[in-house]
Amino acid sequence: MASIRERTGGWQARVTRKGFPSETGTFPTHLAALQWAREIEAQMDRGRYQGHRGADSQSLGQILQRYMDEVSPTKKGAADEAIRIRAIQRRKLAAHSLANLSPAAVARFRDERLREVGAGAVIRDLSMLSSVINHARREWGISIVNPCELVRKPPTPPGRNRLLKPEEEAALLAALQPTGRRSVWMVPLVKLALQTAMRRGELLALRWEHVDLQAQTAFLPVTKNGTARLVPLSTKAVAILSALDPAAAGQVFHISAMTMEAAFRRACARAGIVNLHFHDLRHTATSRMAEKLPNVIELASVTGHQTIQMLKRYYHPSAEALAKKLG
């Protein structure tokens, strides 16, 4: 049977049942303690009891750290996920023990983040938190209710449809010219992105041994979708790469993702271009390619989209262009 008593600063619940070790937890309210005790007893009744001591002794911050050390390195997006995890570890939410991690606490975290960033970023935060907690339940024997599943997520924002205008392209390339301490890699990087619709990570990971200028192809052994892809290169793309050093070995672009993003933002500011992300170049390139490749299957094979639905998110024809095609 469960016993609940008031303790300094909270309520203590104790579940004692023959054949099981006793379980004790401390909670901020009587209701939370009662719900926890009932959940423990229900798991014992269903034969799904796994023990809750780990939930009491470990904080969310500790679980996030273990996940970052053991699980994140196995993923392609390990670096980005580590940045997201460290940001959450600096929040008050991370100090909660897993047993005390309530939907209300997660909801407060959600509302705080919504005042700082867009809905898309908050949705990704909540999704990652849910994944970490579910992994702890499945793999590490920590049996708790996942509070993220009970928290309302913000409405999914509409996909971006920002395209780089021709006059903006000229201004951007002028602002990226390598004068002073500006990187010599940014101009060819942006030009190649607009010619190939390759993702940022694919461009930065591109290696000379995978580039065949004679056949006009670039091989990508690892992509976001987890499959290899052979990218056809236009004559302009071949000219961009030829102007670099095709005889070299290793990476084509010797610049990190963080340095590239910072240089891109500064160039946009100098050029007076607002609300433009590097990934918008992929949207722009896809829309431009669609005029040359009306066959969506061919277009998807170039851009690397696995479904037509995903391709539609990147193809943004103007009403004026469609009107001209209609005649």
C-alpha atoms as a PDB file:
ATOM      1  CA  MET A   1       0.000   0.000   0.000  1.00  0.00           C
ATOM      2  CA  ALA A   2       1.100   3.582  -0.608  1.00  0.00           C
ATOM      3  CA  SER A   3       1.600   6.039   2.217  1.00  0.00           C
ATOM      4  CA  ILE A   4       1.912   9.780   1.661  1.00  0.00           C
ATOM      5  CA  ARG A   5       3.103  12.265   4.236  1.00  0.00           C
ATOM      6  CA  GLU A   6       4.081  15.891   4.233  1.00  0.00           C
ATOM      7  CA  ARG A   7       7.766  16.676   4.496  1.00  0.00           C
ATOM      8  CA  THR A   8       9.636  19.955   4.661  1.00  0.00           C
ATOM      9  CA  GLY A   9       9.256  21.558   1.255  1.00  0.00           C
ATOM     10  CA  GLY A  10       7.144  18.789  -0.276  1.00  0.00           C
ATOM     11  CA  TRP A  11       5.313  15.485  -0.007  1.00  0.00           C
ATOM     12  CA  GLN A  12       6.875  12.041   0.321  1.00  0.00           C
ATOM     13  CA  ALA A  13       5.225   8.980  -1.172  1.00  0.00           C
ATOM     14  CA  ARG A  14       6.235   5.448  -0.197  1.00  0.00           C
ATOM     15  CA  VAL A  15       5.032   2.321  -1.977  1.00  0.00           C
ATOM     16  CA  THR A  16       5.463  -0.967  -0.111  1.00  0.00           C
ATOM     17  CA  ARG A  17       4.302  -4.269  -1.586  1.00  0.00           C
ATOM     18  CA  LYS A  18       5.293  -7.839  -0.898  1.00  0.00           C
ATOM     19  CA  GLY A  19       7.683  -9.196  -3.493  1.00  0.00           C
ATOM     20  CA  PHE A  20       8.899  -5.759  -4.567  1.00  0.00           C
ATOM     21  CA  PRO A  21      11.485  -3.370  -3.159  1.00  0.00           C
ATOM     22  CA  SER A  22       9.975  -0.336  -1.456  1.00  0.00           C
ATOM     23  CA  GLU A  23       9.872   2.828  -3.532  1.00  0.00           C
ATOM     24  CA  THR A  24      10.103   6.355  -2.163  1.00  0.00           C
ATOM     25  CA  GLY A  25       9.739   9.660  -3.949  1.00  0.00           C
ATOM     26  CA  THR A  26       9.431  13.315  -2.944  1.00  0.00           C
ATOM     27  CA  PHE A  27       7.153  15.664  -4.852  1.00  0.00           C
ATOM     28  CA  PRO A  28       6.135  19.337  -4.668  1.00  0.00           C
ATOM     29  CA  THR A  29       2.394  18.601  -4.264  1.00  0.00           C
ATOM     30  CA  HIS A  30       0.207  15.964  -2.662  1.00  0.00           C
ATOM     31  CA  LEU A  31      -1.459  15.267  -6.000  1.00  0.00           C
ATOM     32  CA  ALA A  32       1.862  14.638  -7.754  1.00  0.00           C
ATOM     33  CA  ALA A  33       2.909  12.228  -4.996  1.00  0.00           C
ATOM     34  CA  LEU A  34      -0.437  10.402  -5.201  1.00  0.00           C
ATOM     35  CA  GLN A  35      -0.257  10.094  -9.007  1.00  0.00           C
ATOM     36  CA  TRP A  36       3.300   8.747  -8.818  1.00  0.00           C
ATOM     37  CA  ALA A  37       2.340   6.155  -6.192  1.00  0.00           C
ATOM     38  CA  ARG A  38      -0.659   5.013  -8.238  1.00  0.00           C
ATOM     39  CA  GLU A  39       1.519   4.671 -11.335  1.00  0.00           C
ATOM     40  CA  ILE A  40       4.024   2.517  -9.410  1.00  0.00           C
ATOM     41  CA  GLU A  41       1.257   0.274  -8.092  1.00  0.00           C
ATOM     42  CA  ALA A  42      -0.339  -0.008 -11.520  1.00  0.00           C
ATOM     43  CA  GLN A  43       2.985  -1.099 -13.021  1.00  0.00           C
ATOM     44  CA  MET A  44       3.365  -3.717 -10.291  1.00  0.00           C
ATOM     45  CA  ASP A  45      -0.147  -4.988 -11.037  1.00  0.00           C
ATOM     46  CA  ARG A  46       0.574  -5.242 -14.773  1.00  0.00           C
ATOM     47  CA  GLY A  47       3.957  -6.889 -14.293  1.00  0.00           C
ATOM     48  CA  ARG A  48       5.779  -3.952 -15.904  1.00  0.00           C
ATOM     49  CA  TYR A  49       7.546  -2.627 -12.830  1.00  0.00           C
ATOM     50  CA  GLN A  50      11.219  -1.806 -13.453  1.00  0.00           C
ATOM     51  CA  GLY A  51      12.222   0.305 -10.464  1.00  0.00           C
ATOM     52  CA  HIS A  52      12.270   4.056  -9.969  1.00  0.00           C
ATOM     53  CA  ARG A  53      15.345   4.687  -7.893  1.00  0.00           C
ATOM     54  CA  GLY A  54      17.207   6.012 -10.914  1.00  0.00           C
ATOM     55  CA  ALA A  55      14.436   8.525 -11.544  1.00  0.00           C
ATOM     56  CA  ASP A  56      14.803   9.956  -8.053  1.00  0.00           C
ATOM     57  CA  SER A  57      18.584  10.112  -7.994  1.00  0.00           C
ATOM     58  CA  GLN A  58      19.258  11.404 -11.513  1.00  0.00           C
ATOM     59  CA  SER A  59      18.458  14.842 -12.869  1.00  0.00           C
ATOM     60  CA  LEU A  60      17.377  15.596 -16.402  1.00  0.00           C
ATOM     61  CA  GLY A  61      20.710  17.356 -16.891  1.00  0.00           C
ATOM     62  CA  GLN A  62      22.596  14.158 -16.008  1.00  0.00           C
ATOM     63  CA  ILE A  63      20.491  12.085 -18.374  1.00  0.00           C
ATOM     64  CA  LEU A  64      21.036  14.630 -21.137  1.00  0.00           C
ATOM     65  CA  GLN A  65      24.788  14.422 -20.534  1.00  0.00           C
ATOM     66  CA  ARG A  66      24.784  10.628 -20.711  1.00  0.00           C
ATOM     67  CA  TYR A  67      22.738  10.736 -23.896  1.00  0.00           C
ATOM     68  CA  MET A  68      25.146  13.264 -25.433  1.00  0.00           C
ATOM     69  CA  ASP A  69      28.139  11.092 -24.480  1.00  0.00           C
ATOM     70  CA  GLU A  70      26.743   7.692 -25.509  1.00  0.00           C
ATOM     71  CA  VAL A  71      24.006   8.157 -28.102  1.00  0.00           C
ATOM     72  CA  SER A  72      24.584  11.443 -29.939  1.00  0.00           C
ATOM     73  CA  PRO A  73      28.003  10.399 -31.358  1.00  0.00           C
ATOM     74  CA  THR A  74      26.255   7.609 -33.310  1.00  0.00           C
ATOM     75  CA  LYS A  75      24.183  10.149 -35.244  1.00  0.00           C
ATOM     76  CA  LYS A  76      25.103  12.213 -38.283  1.00  0.00           C
ATOM     77  CA  GLY A  77      23.855  15.379 -36.626  1.00  0.00           C
ATOM     78  CA  ALA A  78      25.876  14.816 -33.445  1.00  0.00           C
ATOM     79  CA  ALA A  79      27.429  18.295 -33.381  1.00  0.00           C
ATOM     80  CA  ASP A  80      24.110  20.125 -33.784  1.00  0.00           C
ATOM     81  CA  GLU A  81      22.411  17.872 -31.242  1.00  0.00           C
ATOM     82  CA  ALA A  82      25.192  18.495 -28.713  1.00  0.00           C
ATOM     83  CA  ILE A  83      24.669  22.260 -29.062  1.00  0.00           C
ATOM     84  CA  ARG A  84      20.937  21.821 -28.424  1.00  0.00           C
ATOM     85  CA  ILE A  85      21.541  19.565 -25.413  1.00  0.00           C
ATOM     86  CA  ARG A  86      24.036  21.958 -23.807  1.00  0.00           C
ATOM     87  CA  ALA A  87      21.564  24.814 -24.234  1.00  0.00           C
ATOM     88  CA  ILE A  88      18.866  22.845 -22.383  1.00  0.00           C
ATOM     89  CA  GLN A  89      21.333  21.856 -19.654  1.00  0.00           C
ATOM     90  CA  ARG A  90      21.736  25.551 -18.828  1.00  0.00           C
ATOM     91  CA  ARG A  91      17.992  25.855 -18.161  1.00  0.00           C
ATOM     92  CA  LYS A  92      16.218  25.416 -14.822  1.00  0.00           C
ATOM     93  CA  LEU A  93      14.416  22.433 -16.322  1.00  0.00           C
ATOM     94  CA  ALA A  94      17.655  20.419 -16.295  1.00  0.00           C
ATOM     95  CA  ALA A  95      17.864  20.624 -12.477  1.00  0.00           C
ATOM     96  CA  HIS A  96      14.654  18.600 -12.024  1.00  0.00           C
ATOM     97  CA  SER A  97      15.038  14.971 -11.047  1.00  0.00           C
ATOM     98  CA  LEU A  98      13.373  12.666 -13.546  1.00  0.00           C
ATOM     99  CA  ALA A  99      10.793  11.706 -10.928  1.00  0.00           C
ATOM    100  CA  ASN A 100       9.847  15.374 -10.489  1.00  0.00           C
ATOM    101  CA  LEU A 101       9.895  16.237 -14.168  1.00  0.00           C
ATOM    102  CA  SER A 102       6.253  17.189 -14.627  1.00  0.00           C
ATOM    103  CA  PRO A 103       4.316  18.262 -17.738  1.00  0.00           C
ATOM    104  CA  ALA A 104       3.908  21.675 -16.078  1.00  0.00           C
ATOM    105  CA  ALA A 105       7.701  22.102 -15.854  1.00  0.00           C
ATOM    106  CA  VAL A 106       8.110  21.153 -19.511  1.00  0.00           C
ATOM    107  CA  ALA A 107       5.293  23.529 -20.463  1.00  0.00           C
ATOM    108  CA  ARG A 108       7.052  26.385 -18.647  1.00  0.00           C
ATOM    109  CA  PHE A 109      10.234  25.572 -20.559  1.00  0.00           C
ATOM    110  CA  ARG A 110       8.221  25.601 -23.810  1.00  0.00           C
ATOM    111  CA  ASP A 111       6.718  29.019 -23.057  1.00  0.00           C
ATOM    112  CA  GLU A 112      10.105  30.493 -22.094  1.00  0.00           C
ATOM    113  CA  ARG A 113      11.657  29.276 -25.329  1.00  0.00           C
ATOM    114  CA  LEU A 114       8.753  30.625 -27.394  1.00  0.00           C
ATOM    115  CA  ARG A 115       9.611  34.101 -26.125  1.00  0.00           C
ATOM    116  CA  GLU A 116      13.161  33.667 -27.455  1.00  0.00           C
ATOM    117  CA  VAL A 117      12.947  31.601 -30.655  1.00  0.00           C
ATOM    118  CA  GLY A 118      10.456  30.472 -33.267  1.00  0.00           C
ATOM    119  CA  ALA A 119       7.989  27.616 -32.978  1.00  0.00           C
ATOM    120  CA  GLY A 120      10.117  25.352 -35.180  1.00  0.00           C
ATOM    121  CA  ALA A 121      13.065  25.508 -32.781  1.00  0.00           C
ATOM    122  CA  VAL A 122      10.808  24.820 -29.783  1.00  0.00           C
ATOM    123  CA  ILE A 123       9.247  21.814 -31.514  1.00  0.00           C
ATOM    124  CA  ARG A 124      12.739  20.418 -32.144  1.00  0.00           C
ATOM    125  CA  ASP A 125      13.681  20.982 -28.483  1.00  0.00           C
ATOM    126  CA  LEU A 126      10.606  19.123 -27.237  1.00  0.00           C
ATOM    127  CA  SER A 127      11.119  16.323 -29.737  1.00  0.00           C
ATOM    128  CA  MET A 128      14.716  15.852 -28.615  1.00  0.00           C
ATOM    129  CA  LEU A 129      13.725  15.893 -24.928  1.00  0.00           C
ATOM    130  CA  SER A 130      11.088  13.264 -25.607  1.00  0.00           C
ATOM    131  CA  SER A 131      13.606  11.097 -27.454  1.00  0.00           C
ATOM    132  CA  VAL A 132      16.110  11.332 -24.593  1.00  0.00           C
ATOM    133  CA  ILE A 133      13.509  10.367 -21.990  1.00  0.00           C
ATOM    134  CA  ASN A 134      12.170   7.496 -24.095  1.00  0.00           C
ATOM    135  CA  HIS A 135      15.718   6.210 -24.609  1.00  0.00           C
ATOM    136  CA  ALA A 136      16.305   6.337 -20.854  1.00  0.00           C
ATOM    137  CA  ARG A 137      13.112   4.332 -20.333  1.00  0.00           C
ATOM    138  CA  ARG A 138      13.880   1.700 -22.953  1.00  0.00           C
ATOM    139  CA  GLU A 139      17.633   1.290 -22.622  1.00  0.00           C
ATOM    140  CA  TRP A 140      18.627   2.442 -19.135  1.00  0.00           C
ATOM    141  CA  GLY A 141      15.820   0.977 -17.045  1.00  0.00           C
ATOM    142  CA  ILE A 142      14.461   4.309 -15.804  1.00  0.00           C
ATOM    143  CA  SER A 143      10.723   3.829 -15.632  1.00  0.00           C
ATOM    144  CA  ILE A 144       8.934   7.186 -15.666  1.00  0.00           C
ATOM    145  CA  VAL A 145       6.044   8.688 -17.551  1.00  0.00           C
ATOM    146  CA  ASN A 146       7.292  10.847 -20.419  1.00  0.00           C
ATOM    147  CA  PRO A 147       5.940  14.335 -19.590  1.00  0.00           C
ATOM    148  CA  CYS A 148       6.679  15.627 -23.101  1.00  0.00           C
ATOM    149  CA  GLU A 149       3.918  13.435 -24.467  1.00  0.00           C
ATOM    150  CA  LEU A 150       1.394  15.358 -22.367  1.00  0.00           C
ATOM    151  CA  VAL A 151       2.575  18.829 -23.360  1.00  0.00           C
ATOM    152  CA  ARG A 152       0.968  20.679 -26.251  1.00  0.00           C
ATOM    153  CA  LYS A 153       3.445  21.501 -28.974  1.00  0.00           C
ATOM    154  CA  PRO A 154       3.342  24.862 -30.768  1.00  0.00           C
ATOM    155  CA  PRO A 155       1.639  24.850 -34.179  1.00  0.00           C
ATOM    156  CA  THR A 156       4.048  23.762 -36.901  1.00  0.00           C
ATOM    157  CA  PRO A 157       5.169  26.884 -38.768  1.00  0.00           C
ATOM    158  CA  PRO A 158       4.736  26.996 -42.553  1.00  0.00           C
ATOM    159  CA  GLY A 159       7.776  26.043 -44.584  1.00  0.00           C
ATOM    160  CA  ARG A 160      10.080  28.832 -45.742  1.00  0.00           C
ATOM    161  CA  ASN A 161       9.674  30.029 -49.297  1.00  0.00           C
ATOM    162  CA  ARG A 162      12.402  32.674 -49.313  1.00  0.00           C
ATOM    163  CA  LEU A 163      14.230  32.821 -52.632  1.00  0.00           C
ATOM    164  CA  LEU A 164      17.337  34.802 -53.495  1.00  0.00           C
ATOM    165  CA  LYS A 165      16.480  37.510 -56.008  1.00  0.00           C
ATOM    166  CA  PRO A 166      18.899  38.227 -58.903  1.00  0.00           C
ATOM    167  CA  GLU A 167      19.765  41.687 -57.562  1.00  0.00           C
ATOM    168  CA  GLU A 168      20.333  40.206 -54.088  1.00  0.00           C
ATOM    169  CA  GLU A 169      22.616  37.551 -55.550  1.00  0.00           C
ATOM    170  CA  ALA A 170      24.862  40.204 -57.093  1.00  0.00           C
ATOM    171  CA  ALA A 171      24.955  42.188 -53.841  1.00  0.00           C
ATOM    172  CA  LEU A 172      25.665  39.065 -51.782  1.00  0.00           C
ATOM    173  CA  LEU A 173      28.555  37.934 -53.967  1.00  0.00           C
ATOM    174  CA  ALA A 174      30.014  41.448 -53.873  1.00  0.00           C
ATOM    175  CA  ALA A 175      29.805  41.454 -50.065  1.00  0.00           C
ATOM    176  CA  LEU A 176      31.551  38.065 -49.935  1.00  0.00           C
ATOM    177  CA  GLN A 177      34.561  39.095 -52.015  1.00  0.00           C
ATOM    178  CA  PRO A 178      37.724  38.020 -50.127  1.00  0.00           C
ATOM    179  CA  THR A 179      39.173  41.347 -49.038  1.00  0.00           C
ATOM    180  CA  GLY A 180      40.967  41.751 -45.729  1.00  0.00           C
ATOM    181  CA  ARG A 181      40.135  38.877 -43.377  1.00  0.00           C
ATOM    182  CA  ARG A 182      37.190  37.541 -45.405  1.00  0.00           C
ATOM    183  CA  SER A 183      37.331  33.869 -46.362  1.00  0.00           C
ATOM    184  CA  VAL A 184      38.351  32.992 -49.919  1.00  0.00           C
ATOM    185  CA  TRP A 185      35.972  30.007 -49.833  1.00  0.00           C
ATOM    186  CA  MET A 186      32.649  31.833 -49.463  1.00  0.00           C
ATOM    187  CA  VAL A 187      32.165  33.075 -53.048  1.00  0.00           C
ATOM    188  CA  PRO A 188      32.739  29.666 -54.727  1.00  0.00           C
ATOM    189  CA  LEU A 189      30.714  27.977 -51.965  1.00  0.00           C
ATOM    190  CA  VAL A 190      27.663  30.180 -52.543  1.00  0.00           C
ATOM    191  CA  LYS A 191      27.985  29.926 -56.320  1.00  0.00           C
ATOM    192  CA  LEU A 192      28.188  26.124 -56.180  1.00  0.00           C
ATOM    193  CA  ALA A 193      25.188  25.960 -53.830  1.00  0.00           C
ATOM    194  CA  LEU A 194      23.144  27.913 -56.380  1.00  0.00           C
ATOM    195  CA  GLN A 195      24.280  25.617 -59.197  1.00  0.00           C
ATOM    196  CA  THR A 196      23.799  22.243 -57.482  1.00  0.00           C
ATOM    197  CA  ALA A 197      21.125  22.696 -54.753  1.00  0.00           C
ATOM    198  CA  MET A 198      23.448  20.767 -52.434  1.00  0.00           C
ATOM    199  CA  ARG A 199      22.923  21.089 -48.703  1.00  0.00           C
ATOM    200  CA  ARG A 200      25.360  22.968 -46.490  1.00  0.00           C
ATOM    201  CA  GLY A 201      26.737  19.771 -44.956  1.00  0.00           C
ATOM    202  CA  GLU A 202      27.110  18.115 -48.361  1.00  0.00           C
ATOM    203  CA  LEU A 203      29.081  21.072 -49.723  1.00  0.00           C
ATOM    204  CA  LEU A 204      31.391  21.283 -46.718  1.00  0.00           C
ATOM    205  CA  ALA A 205      31.990  17.509 -46.768  1.00  0.00           C
ATOM    206  CA  LEU A 206      32.707  17.405 -50.508  1.00  0.00           C
ATOM    207  CA  ARG A 207      36.120  15.895 -51.299  1.00  0.00           C
ATOM    208  CA  TRP A 208      38.211  16.128 -54.450  1.00  0.00           C
ATOM    209  CA  GLU A 209      38.441  12.356 -54.832  1.00  0.00           C
ATOM    210  CA  HIS A 210      34.657  12.325 -55.240  1.00  0.00           C
ATOM    211  CA  VAL A 211      34.613  15.040 -57.918  1.00  0.00           C
ATOM    212  CA  ASP A 212      34.861  14.011 -61.576  1.00  0.00           C
ATOM    213  CA  LEU A 213      35.055  17.152 -63.693  1.00  0.00           C
ATOM    214  CA  GLN A 214      35.360  15.095 -66.866  1.00  0.00           C
ATOM    215  CA  ALA A 215      32.087  13.261 -66.232  1.00  0.00           C
ATOM    216  CA  GLN A 216      30.565  16.368 -64.596  1.00  0.00           C
ATOM    217  CA  THR A 217      29.570  14.587 -61.388  1.00  0.00           C
ATOM    218  CA  ALA A 218      30.157  14.860 -57.654  1.00  0.00           C
ATOM    219  CA  PHE A 219      29.661  11.797 -55.462  1.00  0.00           C
ATOM    220  CA  LEU A 220      28.169  12.230 -51.996  1.00  0.00           C
ATOM    221  CA  PRO A 221      28.766   9.039 -49.966  1.00  0.00           C
ATOM    222  CA  VAL A 222      26.702  10.299 -47.020  1.00  0.00           C
ATOM    223  CA  THR A 223      23.659  12.577 -47.228  1.00  0.00           C
ATOM    224  CA  LYS A 224      20.943  13.728 -44.845  1.00  0.00           C
ATOM    225  CA  ASN A 225      18.693  10.922 -46.077  1.00  0.00           C
ATOM    226  CA  GLY A 226      21.318   8.339 -45.226  1.00  0.00           C
ATOM    227  CA  THR A 227      21.863   7.265 -48.834  1.00  0.00           C
ATOM    228  CA  ALA A 228      24.675   8.029 -51.267  1.00  0.00           C
ATOM    229  CA  ARG A 229      23.967  10.312 -54.210  1.00  0.00           C
ATOM    230  CA  LEU A 230      25.678  11.238 -57.477  1.00  0.00           C
ATOM    231  CA  VAL A 231      25.131  14.923 -58.231  1.00  0.00           C
ATOM    232  CA  PRO A 232      25.275  16.067 -61.876  1.00  0.00           C
ATOM    233  CA  LEU A 233      27.312  19.241 -62.351  1.00  0.00           C
ATOM    234  CA  SER A 234      26.361  21.942 -64.819  1.00  0.00           C
ATOM    235  CA  THR A 235      29.050  23.549 -66.942  1.00  0.00           C
ATOM    236  CA  LYS A 236      28.950  26.556 -64.576  1.00  0.00           C
ATOM    237  CA  ALA A 237      29.443  24.248 -61.589  1.00  0.00           C
ATOM    238  CA  VAL A 238      32.411  22.603 -63.332  1.00  0.00           C
ATOM    239  CA  ALA A 239      33.885  26.053 -64.005  1.00  0.00           C
ATOM    240  CA  ILE A 240      33.510  27.012 -60.328  1.00  0.00           C
ATOM    241  CA  LEU A 241      35.319  23.874 -59.182  1.00  0.00           C
ATOM    242  CA  SER A 242      37.960  24.150 -61.903  1.00  0.00           C
ATOM    243  CA  ALA A 243      38.844  27.621 -60.654  1.00  0.00           C
ATOM    244  CA  LEU A 244      39.795  26.131 -57.288  1.00  0.00           C
ATOM    245  CA  ASP A 245      42.455  23.400 -57.149  1.00  0.00           C
ATOM    246  CA  PRO A 246      41.216  20.133 -58.709  1.00  0.00           C
ATOM    247  CA  ALA A 247      44.681  18.597 -58.296  1.00  0.00           C
ATOM    248  CA  ALA A 248      44.454  18.935 -54.516  1.00  0.00           C
ATOM    249  CA  ALA A 249      43.417  16.157 -52.151  1.00  0.00           C
ATOM    250  CA  GLY A 250      40.987  16.151 -49.267  1.00  0.00           C
ATOM    251  CA  GLN A 251      38.152  18.594 -48.749  1.00  0.00           C
ATOM    252  CA  VAL A 252      37.175  21.018 -51.493  1.00  0.00           C
ATOM    253  CA  PHE A 253      36.202  23.797 -49.076  1.00  0.00           C
ATOM    254  CA  HIS A 254      38.467  24.373 -46.084  1.00  0.00           C
ATOM    255  CA  ILE A 255      35.978  26.161 -43.868  1.00  0.00           C
ATOM    256  CA  SER A 256      33.916  25.031 -40.874  1.00  0.00           C
ATOM    257  CA  ALA A 257      30.137  25.213 -40.665  1.00  0.00           C
ATOM    258  CA  MET A 258      30.227  27.803 -37.863  1.00  0.00           C
ATOM    259  CA  THR A 259      32.698  30.038 -39.704  1.00  0.00           C
ATOM    260  CA  MET A 260      30.692  29.742 -42.904  1.00  0.00           C
ATOM    261  CA  GLU A 261      27.395  30.641 -41.191  1.00  0.00           C
ATOM    262  CA  ALA A 262      28.974  33.658 -39.471  1.00  0.00           C
ATOM    263  CA  ALA A 263      30.520  34.891 -42.728  1.00  0.00           C
ATOM    264  CA  PHE A 264      27.202  34.436 -44.536  1.00  0.00           C
ATOM    265  CA  ARG A 265      25.282  36.442 -41.915  1.00  0.00           C
ATOM    266  CA  ARG A 266      27.825  39.263 -41.975  1.00  0.00           C
ATOM    267  CA  ALA A 267      27.752  39.406 -45.777  1.00  0.00           C
ATOM    268  CA  CYS A 268      23.935  39.587 -45.778  1.00  0.00           C
ATOM    269  CA  ALA A 269      24.120  42.479 -43.318  1.00  0.00           C
ATOM    270  CA  ARG A 270      26.681  44.334 -45.465  1.00  0.00           C
ATOM    271  CA  ALA A 271      24.560  43.772 -48.563  1.00  0.00           C
ATOM    272  CA  GLY A 272      21.358  44.891 -46.834  1.00  0.00           C
ATOM    273  CA  ILE A 273      19.717  41.487 -47.388  1.00  0.00           C
ATOM    274  CA  VAL A 274      17.215  40.510 -44.697  1.00  0.00           C
ATOM    275  CA  ASN A 275      15.698  37.170 -43.699  1.00  0.00           C
ATOM    276  CA  LEU A 276      18.001  35.045 -45.843  1.00  0.00           C
ATOM    277  CA  HIS A 277      19.452  31.738 -44.606  1.00  0.00           C
ATOM    278  CA  PHE A 278      22.133  29.722 -46.361  1.00  0.00           C
ATOM    279  CA  HIS A 279      19.612  26.905 -46.756  1.00  0.00           C
ATOM    280  CA  ASP A 280      17.433  29.273 -48.811  1.00  0.00           C
ATOM    281  CA  LEU A 281      20.040  28.917 -51.560  1.00  0.00           C
ATOM    282  CA  ARG A 282      18.892  25.298 -51.898  1.00  0.00           C
ATOM    283  CA  HIS A 283      15.302  26.513 -52.385  1.00  0.00           C
ATOM    284  CA  THR A 284      16.505  29.024 -54.949  1.00  0.00           C
ATOM    285  CA  ALA A 285      18.590  26.494 -56.866  1.00  0.00           C
ATOM    286  CA  THR A 286      15.735  23.951 -56.903  1.00  0.00           C
ATOM    287  CA  SER A 287      13.269  26.505 -58.291  1.00  0.00           C
ATOM    288  CA  ARG A 288      15.758  27.534 -60.975  1.00  0.00           C
ATOM    289  CA  MET A 289      16.451  23.906 -61.920  1.00  0.00           C
ATOM    290  CA  ALA A 290      12.731  23.201 -62.238  1.00  0.00           C
ATOM    291  CA  GLU A 291      12.630  25.516 -65.249  1.00  0.00           C
ATOM    292  CA  LYS A 292      15.247  23.352 -66.978  1.00  0.00           C
ATOM    293  CA  LEU A 293      14.030  19.987 -65.637  1.00  0.00           C
ATOM    294  CA  PRO A 294      10.212  19.924 -65.751  1.00  0.00           C
ATOM    295  CA  ASN A 295      10.305  16.169 -65.095  1.00  0.00           C
ATOM    296  CA  VAL A 296       9.929  15.991 -61.296  1.00  0.00           C
ATOM    297  CA  ILE A 297      11.612  12.571 -61.126  1.00  0.00           C
ATOM    298  CA  GLU A 298      14.736  13.961 -62.788  1.00  0.00           C
ATOM    299  CA  LEU A 299      14.608  17.063 -60.593  1.00  0.00           C
ATOM    300  CA  ALA A 300      14.350  14.960 -57.418  1.00  0.00           C
ATOM    301  CA  SER A 301      17.307  12.825 -58.489  1.00  0.00           C
ATOM    302  CA  VAL A 302      19.411  15.986 -58.776  1.00  0.00           C
ATOM    303  CA  THR A 303      18.313  17.589 -55.507  1.00  0.00           C
ATOM    304  CA  GLY A 304      18.246  14.359 -53.503  1.00  0.00           C
ATOM    305  CA  HIS A 305      14.631  14.556 -52.346  1.00  0.00           C
ATOM    306  CA  GLN A 306      13.201  11.108 -51.731  1.00  0.00           C
ATOM    307  CA  THR A 307       9.536  12.067 -52.133  1.00  0.00           C
ATOM    308  CA  ILE A 308       7.674  14.461 -54.396  1.00  0.00           C
ATOM    309  CA  GLN A 309       5.994  15.902 -51.303  1.00  0.00           C
ATOM    310  CA  MET A 310       9.365  16.979 -49.908  1.00  0.00           C
ATOM    311  CA  LEU A 311      10.413  18.353 -53.284  1.00  0.00           C
ATOM    312  CA  LYS A 312       7.297  20.555 -53.342  1.00  0.00           C
ATOM    313  CA  ARG A 313       8.550  22.312 -50.204  1.00  0.00           C
ATOM    314  CA  TYR A 314      11.618  23.483 -52.136  1.00  0.00           C
ATOM    315  CA  TYR A 315      10.050  24.329 -55.467  1.00  0.00           C
ATOM    316  CA  HIS A 316       8.523  27.808 -55.353  1.00  0.00           C
ATOM    317  CA  PRO A 317       7.522  28.958 -58.853  1.00  0.00           C
ATOM    318  CA  SER A 318       6.241  32.506 -59.163  1.00  0.00           C
ATOM    319  CA  ALA A 319       2.694  33.132 -60.382  1.00  0.00           C
ATOM    320  CA  GLU A 320       4.131  35.276 -63.175  1.00  0.00           C
ATOM    321  CA  ALA A 321       6.342  32.431 -64.421  1.00  0.00           C
ATOM    322  CA  LEU A 322       3.442  29.994 -64.377  1.00  0.00           C
ATOM    323  CA  ALA A 323       1.245  32.474 -66.245  1.00  0.00           C
ATOM    324  CA  LYS A 324       3.835  32.702 -69.024  1.00  0.00           C
ATOM    325  CA  LYS A 325       3.884  28.914 -69.345  1.00  0.00           C
ATOM    326  CA  LEU A 326       0.100  28.886 -69.644  1.00  0.00           C
ATOM    327  CA  GLY A 327       0.327  31.342 -72.539  1.00  0.00           C
END
